[in-house]
Every structure is written in structure tokens, then in C-alpha cells.
Amino acid sequence: MDELVLIAKLKTLEASWASLDSWLKFWIFLVVVGVVVELVVILVEYSHESHEFRRGILLPPTRPSMVLLVFGLLGAGLVALGVAGEFGTHIKAGKVESDMRSTTFALVAIADQKAEEADERASINEVEAAQLRKAAGQLQKDAETERLARTKIEARVAWRHLTELQQSELGAALGDFSNRVGASLWFEAGDTEAGIFASDIARALTAAHIVVQPPANFVTLRENGRFGDAIKPISTGVILQSTKDERSRLLADAIVKELNLRGYDASRQVNPPFDDRPLPQVWLNVEPRPEGPQGEFKLKAERDAKTKQGNSR
């Protein structure tokens, strides 16, 4: 393929990749709107039920509200549409990035071929040969810069995920707690990334023969703030708490250790409200994804930092 055609194609792909960012923001906005609509429906239903409770009079059932039904379906539909849109945009972005890499490599190959042909021709002007080599070097530099930039972006936004091998290894490391402690996992409604990661953790715990409740979502209703109040930080990562017994506390600490060893932020809740129930239990709240690299990307960044620190001494 001609070099000019490849360059034009690369510019088109770059413009397409940039436009996907706007679509991604749009789908995220739909998810947010859908969650807000669902919260409004929940609050309205609660208000109606509270009113009937305070009235204290038994009356025949009232006709279900078609408006609440429509709003509830609208909220759920917006969330589903937004998540589907995010997934579709993610797939399209991956295809565009793959095409960009292929086009860049093709441009580099063309530049290398031209440089070799220029060297083989005895009558070639040395200045032109130097310019071609410079162009090839610049293309290679640009390709490396694009690769590093893409890697940084991937490290910053890649979803948390435990591979099948990691799930098996984590299950083996927690084998001492098999059939001795129960576990339940929770994530906020609408957070697809946290829900998928919670499922990965649940499969790892199941591999350790720990009785696991399937991951469930919840909706957080935050208190109204006042002017001048400090803004509370949003919890991220995986936060664990347990019942008071030693087995549950040891399992919670072991899960935190194993997740941290694999590059995922996890911690015990500070001053946790331990439960007095008799059955040993561990709760895992899979909060939103922390900023910055996670998993292998985080481990690599830590290794690179240590290497850089050692070289500077």
C-alpha cells in the first residue's frame, strides 16, 4: 500500500479514536442518569409506603402506578443501554488501536525498505539517504512513543481481573480455610467493572472450598451535604471486614495479602463494626477501581521504580 495512503489512513484512525472518547463519556452519562432515575423511583415508592404506614388504616390495594413503572423501566433501560454502549465503545477502541498499530508498523516497514534501497544504490545522494534514515528513525520513535502512550492509557483504565491461573493460585493459598468460614461479596449497582472483579474473587474463594454467597449489588444513598462541609473521599479498592472470631479475621487478612501480592489494592476496614453473629463470616466490599495501575501493571511500575532507584545510587 502506498505511503501517502497509509498516512491518510493513520490520520483517519486517530480522528476516529479521538471521537470514541466522546461516545464513552455519553454512555457513562446514560448510566449515571439511569441510576439517578432508579434512585428517584426508590425514594418515591418509599415515600408512598411510609405515608400508608403512618396513616395506619387498612385499605384495599391501590392501582399500581404506571408512572413509577415507566420511570423504573426507563432507569434500568438507561443503565443497560449505557453499559452496552461502554462495552461496544471499548471493543471499537480496541479495533481502532489495532489498526493504528498495523498502519504504523506498515509505515515503518516502508521507511526501512526505502532506506535499504537507498543504501544499495551507488548513485544515491548521501544527503537524501541521511534524510530517509532520519525519517525512518523518526517513524520508529513515533511508533515507540505511541506504544508507550497506549500502554500507559491501558494501565490507567484496564479493568481489574483475576486470570484462571491467579484464581487457582489464590484458592490454593486460602485452602487452610476451606469449609470453615463463609464469605459474601458486594459491589455498587451500576459499577460493571467492580461486579466482574467481584465474580473473579468469588470463583477464587470457591476454589478454596469456602462457602461463598454469589456477589450482590447495592445502592448507596448519600446524605445531603451542607455548605462548608468537608468532601469525604470515595472508598476504592477491596475493603474487608469480618466477625470477631479468629478464623474470620485470619481469612480476611489472608485475602488482603493475596490480592495485594497480585497488585490489587485491598485493605481491612479501619475500626470495623465487627458482627457478633455466631457463624464465622467475611464481607468483601468491591469498591470502585482505584486511580492508577492495578494488577500486573502496578507490579511492573513498582519493579521499574525500584530498578530506577537502585541505578541512581
Foldseek 3Di string as FASTA:
>chain_A
DDLVVLVVVLVVLVVVLVVLVVLLVVLVVLLVVLLVLLVVLVVVVVVVVVVVVVVVDDDPDDDDDPVSVVSNVSSVVSLVSSVVSNVVSVVVSVVSVVSNLVSLVVSLVVLVVVLVVQVPDPPHDPVVSVVSVVVSVVSVVVSVVVVVVVVQVCQFDPFDAQDPVLLLVLLVLLLVCAPQAAEEEEEAPSQVSLLRRSQSNQSSVVSSNHHYDRYDYDHDDDDDDDPPDDDDDFDAFKEKDWAPDPSLVVSQVSVCVSQVVQFTHYDYDDPDPHDPDPGTYMYIYHYHHDGGGGGPSRVVVVVVVVVVVVVVD
